[in-house]
Amino acid sequence: MVMNHEIIIFTPIFALLIGSIVFTFLKRRKRSAKSIYKLIDDLEKKYIY
């Protein structure tokens, strides 16, 4: 019974932790891709136009 109680308490904590790590990773990845596209656009404007 005590073991089930610990599982009930710690499962949402681990799920929240893993979810927040995945969310921050995806957010950071999106931001870096956006900055890469901006860099490519700036280089195109500098060297092509």
PDB file of N, CA and C in Angstrom:
ATOM      1  N   MET A   1       0.824  -1.203   0.000  1.00  0.00           N
ATOM      2  CA  MET A   1       0.000   0.000   0.000  1.00  0.00           C
ATOM      3  C   MET A   1       0.864   1.260   0.000  1.00  0.00           C
ATOM      4  N   VAL A   2       1.950   1.226   0.749  1.00  0.00           N
ATOM      5  CA  VAL A   2       2.824   2.402   0.793  1.00  0.00           C
ATOM      6  C   VAL A   2       3.482   2.621  -0.566  1.00  0.00           C
ATOM      7  N   MET A   3       3.847   1.559  -1.238  1.00  0.00           N
ATOM      8  CA  MET A   3       4.485   1.674  -2.544  1.00  0.00           C
ATOM      9  C   MET A   3       3.533   2.296  -3.567  1.00  0.00           C
ATOM     10  N   ASN A   4       2.277   1.925  -3.549  1.00  0.00           N
ATOM     11  CA  ASN A   4       1.305   2.522  -4.461  1.00  0.00           C
ATOM     12  C   ASN A   4       1.121   4.001  -4.170  1.00  0.00           C
ATOM     13  N   HIS A   5       1.153   4.377  -2.917  1.00  0.00           N
ATOM     14  CA  HIS A   5       1.014   5.784  -2.537  1.00  0.00           C
ATOM     15  C   HIS A   5       2.180   6.609  -3.094  1.00  0.00           C
ATOM     16  N   GLU A   6       3.392   6.075  -3.020  1.00  0.00           N
ATOM     17  CA  GLU A   6       4.550   6.797  -3.564  1.00  0.00           C
ATOM     18  C   GLU A   6       4.453   6.920  -5.087  1.00  0.00           C
ATOM     19  N   ILE A   7       3.976   5.880  -5.745  1.00  0.00           N
ATOM     20  CA  ILE A   7       3.823   5.944  -7.203  1.00  0.00           C
ATOM     21  C   ILE A   7       2.808   7.012  -7.578  1.00  0.00           C
ATOM     22  N   ILE A   8       1.723   7.098  -6.833  1.00  0.00           N
ATOM     23  CA  ILE A   8       0.692   8.104  -7.117  1.00  0.00           C
ATOM     24  C   ILE A   8       1.242   9.515  -6.911  1.00  0.00           C
ATOM     25  N   ILE A   9       2.112   9.697  -5.940  1.00  0.00           N
ATOM     26  CA  ILE A   9       2.654  11.035  -5.674  1.00  0.00           C
ATOM     27  C   ILE A   9       3.718  11.412  -6.709  1.00  0.00           C
ATOM     28  N   PHE A  10       4.637  10.486  -7.023  1.00  0.00           N
ATOM     29  CA  PHE A  10       5.791  10.854  -7.844  1.00  0.00           C
ATOM     30  C   PHE A  10       5.548  10.793  -9.349  1.00  0.00           C
ATOM     31  N   THR A  11       4.544  10.076  -9.815  1.00  0.00           N
ATOM     32  CA  THR A  11       4.291   9.991 -11.254  1.00  0.00           C
ATOM     33  C   THR A  11       3.944  11.345 -11.876  1.00  0.00           C
ATOM     34  N   PRO A  12       3.028  12.142 -11.307  1.00  0.00           N
ATOM     35  CA  PRO A  12       2.770  13.463 -11.909  1.00  0.00           C
ATOM     36  C   PRO A  12       3.977  14.391 -11.851  1.00  0.00           C
ATOM     37  N   ILE A  13       4.806  14.261 -10.815  1.00  0.00           N
ATOM     38  CA  ILE A  13       5.999  15.107 -10.724  1.00  0.00           C
ATOM     39  C   ILE A  13       6.962  14.781 -11.858  1.00  0.00           C
ATOM     40  N   PHE A  14       7.200  13.485 -12.099  1.00  0.00           N
ATOM     41  CA  PHE A  14       8.090  13.104 -13.199  1.00  0.00           C
ATOM     42  C   PHE A  14       7.495  13.478 -14.553  1.00  0.00           C
ATOM     43  N   ALA A  15       6.196  13.319 -14.708  1.00  0.00           N
ATOM     44  CA  ALA A  15       5.554  13.682 -15.974  1.00  0.00           C
ATOM     45  C   ALA A  15       5.680  15.180 -16.236  1.00  0.00           C
ATOM     46  N   LEU A  16       5.490  15.975 -15.206  1.00  0.00           N
ATOM     47  CA  LEU A  16       5.614  17.431 -15.350  1.00  0.00           C
ATOM     48  C   LEU A  16       7.050  17.826 -15.673  1.00  0.00           C
ATOM     49  N   LEU A  17       7.999  17.179 -15.024  1.00  0.00           N
ATOM     50  CA  LEU A  17       9.409  17.470 -15.279  1.00  0.00           C
ATOM     51  C   LEU A  17       9.795  17.124 -16.706  1.00  0.00           C
ATOM     52  N   ILE A  18       9.411  15.947 -17.173  1.00  0.00           N
ATOM     53  CA  ILE A  18       9.734  15.527 -18.538  1.00  0.00           C
ATOM     54  C   ILE A  18       9.026  16.419 -19.556  1.00  0.00           C
ATOM     55  N   GLY A  19       7.775  16.773 -19.280  1.00  0.00           N
ATOM     56  CA  GLY A  19       7.039  17.653 -20.188  1.00  0.00           C
ATOM     57  C   GLY A  19       7.672  19.033 -20.296  1.00  0.00           C
ATOM     58  N   SER A  20       8.132  19.570 -19.176  1.00  0.00           N
ATOM     59  CA  SER A  20       8.755  20.892 -19.224  1.00  0.00           C
ATOM     60  C   SER A  20      10.092  20.850 -19.950  1.00  0.00           C
ATOM     61  N   ILE A  21      10.838  19.756 -19.790  1.00  0.00           N
ATOM     62  CA  ILE A  21      12.118  19.634 -20.503  1.00  0.00           C
ATOM     63  C   ILE A  21      11.882  19.547 -22.010  1.00  0.00           C
ATOM     64  N   VAL A  22      10.900  18.754 -22.424  1.00  0.00           N
ATOM     65  CA  VAL A  22      10.588  18.630 -23.849  1.00  0.00           C
ATOM     66  C   VAL A  22      10.101  19.965 -24.413  1.00  0.00           C
ATOM     67  N   PHE A  23       9.262  20.675 -23.651  1.00  0.00           N
ATOM     68  CA  PHE A  23       8.736  21.960 -24.116  1.00  0.00           C
ATOM     69  C   PHE A  23       9.853  22.978 -24.297  1.00  0.00           C
ATOM     70  N   THR A  24      10.763  23.060 -23.335  1.00  0.00           N
ATOM     71  CA  THR A  24      11.855  24.029 -23.467  1.00  0.00           C
ATOM     72  C   THR A  24      12.789  23.652 -24.606  1.00  0.00           C
ATOM     73  N   PHE A  25      12.998  22.346 -24.833  1.00  0.00           N
ATOM     74  CA  PHE A  25      13.851  21.921 -25.943  1.00  0.00           C
ATOM     75  C   PHE A  25      13.233  22.305 -27.276  1.00  0.00           C
ATOM     76  N   LEU A  26      11.935  22.068 -27.428  1.00  0.00           N
ATOM     77  CA  LEU A  26      11.272  22.413 -28.687  1.00  0.00           C
ATOM     78  C   LEU A  26      11.224  23.917 -28.892  1.00  0.00           C
ATOM     79  N   LYS A  27      11.010  24.657 -27.826  1.00  0.00           N
ATOM     80  CA  LYS A  27      10.969  26.117 -27.939  1.00  0.00           C
ATOM     81  C   LYS A  27      12.342  26.661 -28.336  1.00  0.00           C
ATOM     82  N   ARG A  28      13.382  26.138 -27.721  1.00  0.00           N
ATOM     83  CA  ARG A  28      14.731  26.587 -28.044  1.00  0.00           C
ATOM     84  C   ARG A  28      15.092  26.219 -29.478  1.00  0.00           C
ATOM     85  N   ARG A  29      14.678  25.035 -29.920  1.00  0.00           N
ATOM     86  CA  ARG A  29      14.961  24.603 -31.285  1.00  0.00           C
ATOM     87  C   ARG A  29      14.262  25.496 -32.298  1.00  0.00           C
ATOM     88  N   LYS A  30      13.022  25.862 -32.007  1.00  0.00           N
ATOM     89  CA  LYS A  30      12.285  26.734 -32.924  1.00  0.00           C
ATOM     90  C   LYS A  30      12.956  28.096 -33.002  1.00  0.00           C
ATOM     91  N   ARG A  31      13.405  28.614 -31.873  1.00  0.00           N
ATOM     92  CA  ARG A  31      14.046  29.919 -31.857  1.00  0.00           C
ATOM     93  C   ARG A  31      15.348  29.880 -32.645  1.00  0.00           C
ATOM     94  N   SER A  32      16.130  28.832 -32.513  1.00  0.00           N
ATOM     95  CA  SER A  32      17.394  28.774 -33.231  1.00  0.00           C
ATOM     96  C   SER A  32      17.159  28.635 -34.737  1.00  0.00           C
ATOM     97  N   ALA A  33      16.123  27.878 -35.127  1.00  0.00           N
ATOM     98  CA  ALA A  33      15.810  27.775 -36.553  1.00  0.00           C
ATOM     99  C   ALA A  33      15.382  29.127 -37.104  1.00  0.00           C
ATOM    100  N   LYS A  34      14.631  29.876 -36.319  1.00  0.00           N
ATOM    101  CA  LYS A  34      14.204  31.208 -36.752  1.00  0.00           C
ATOM    102  C   LYS A  34      15.410  32.123 -36.921  1.00  0.00           C
ATOM    103  N   SER A  35      16.373  32.047 -36.011  1.00  0.00           N
ATOM    104  CA  SER A  35      17.552  32.897 -36.131  1.00  0.00           C
ATOM    105  C   SER A  35      18.416  32.471 -37.318  1.00  0.00           C
ATOM    106  N   ILE A  36      18.444  31.174 -37.632  1.00  0.00           N
ATOM    107  CA  ILE A  36      19.199  30.716 -38.803  1.00  0.00           C
ATOM    108  C   ILE A  36      18.565  31.250 -40.088  1.00  0.00           C
ATOM    109  N   TYR A  37      17.235  31.207 -40.171  1.00  0.00           N
ATOM    110  CA  TYR A  37      16.570  31.756 -41.361  1.00  0.00           C
ATOM    111  C   TYR A  37      16.808  33.251 -41.487  1.00  0.00           C
ATOM    112  N   LYS A  38      16.828  33.954 -40.359  1.00  0.00           N
ATOM    113  CA  LYS A  38      17.097  35.390 -40.405  1.00  0.00           C
ATOM    114  C   LYS A  38      18.526  35.647 -40.877  1.00  0.00           C
ATOM    115  N   LEU A  39      19.465  34.836 -40.413  1.00  0.00           N
ATOM    116  CA  LEU A  39      20.847  34.987 -40.842  1.00  0.00           C
ATOM    117  C   LEU A  39      20.993  34.737 -42.340  1.00  0.00           C
ATOM    118  N   ILE A  40      20.345  33.707 -42.847  1.00  0.00           N
ATOM    119  CA  ILE A  40      20.396  33.421 -44.288  1.00  0.00           C
ATOM    120  C   ILE A  40      19.778  34.562 -45.074  1.00  0.00           C
ATOM    121  N   ASP A  41      18.672  35.098 -44.595  1.00  0.00           N
ATOM    122  CA  ASP A  41      18.019  36.209 -45.277  1.00  0.00           C
ATOM    123  C   ASP A  41      18.921  37.437 -45.303  1.00  0.00           C
ATOM    124  N   ASP A  42      19.575  37.725 -44.176  1.00  0.00           N
ATOM    125  CA  ASP A  42      20.490  38.868 -44.132  1.00  0.00           C
ATOM    126  C   ASP A  42      21.670  38.678 -45.085  1.00  0.00           C
ATOM    127  N   LEU A  43      22.197  37.457 -45.150  1.00  0.00           N
ATOM    128  CA  LEU A  43      23.309  37.206 -46.068  1.00  0.00           C
ATOM    129  C   LEU A  43      22.877  37.326 -47.521  1.00  0.00           C
ATOM    130  N   GLU A  44      21.662  36.873 -47.848  1.00  0.00           N
ATOM    131  CA  GLU A  44      21.161  37.030 -49.204  1.00  0.00           C
ATOM    132  C   GLU A  44      21.033  38.509 -49.561  1.00  0.00           C
ATOM    133  N   LYS A  45      20.507  39.306 -48.648  1.00  0.00           N
ATOM    134  CA  LYS A  45      20.367  40.732 -48.928  1.00  0.00           C
ATOM    135  C   LYS A  45      21.724  41.396 -49.095  1.00  0.00           C
ATOM    136  N   LYS A  46      22.714  40.938 -48.338  1.00  0.00           N
ATOM    137  CA  LYS A  46      24.048  41.565 -48.379  1.00  0.00           C
ATOM    138  C   LYS A  46      24.783  41.223 -49.672  1.00  0.00           C
ATOM    139  N   TYR A  47      24.718  39.963 -50.101  1.00  0.00           N
ATOM    140  CA  TYR A  47      25.562  39.536 -51.216  1.00  0.00           C
ATOM    141  C   TYR A  47      24.842  39.453 -52.551  1.00  0.00           C
ATOM    142  N   ILE A  48      23.522  39.360 -52.562  1.00  0.00           N
ATOM    143  CA  ILE A  48      22.812  39.203 -53.833  1.00  0.00           C
ATOM    144  C   ILE A  48      22.278  40.539 -54.322  1.00  0.00           C
ATOM    145  N   TYR A  49      21.670  41.298 -53.432  1.00  0.00           N
ATOM    146  CA  TYR A  49      21.030  42.546 -53.871  1.00  0.00           C
ATOM    147  C   TYR A  49      21.979  43.696 -53.894  1.00  0.00           C
TER     148      TYR A  49
END
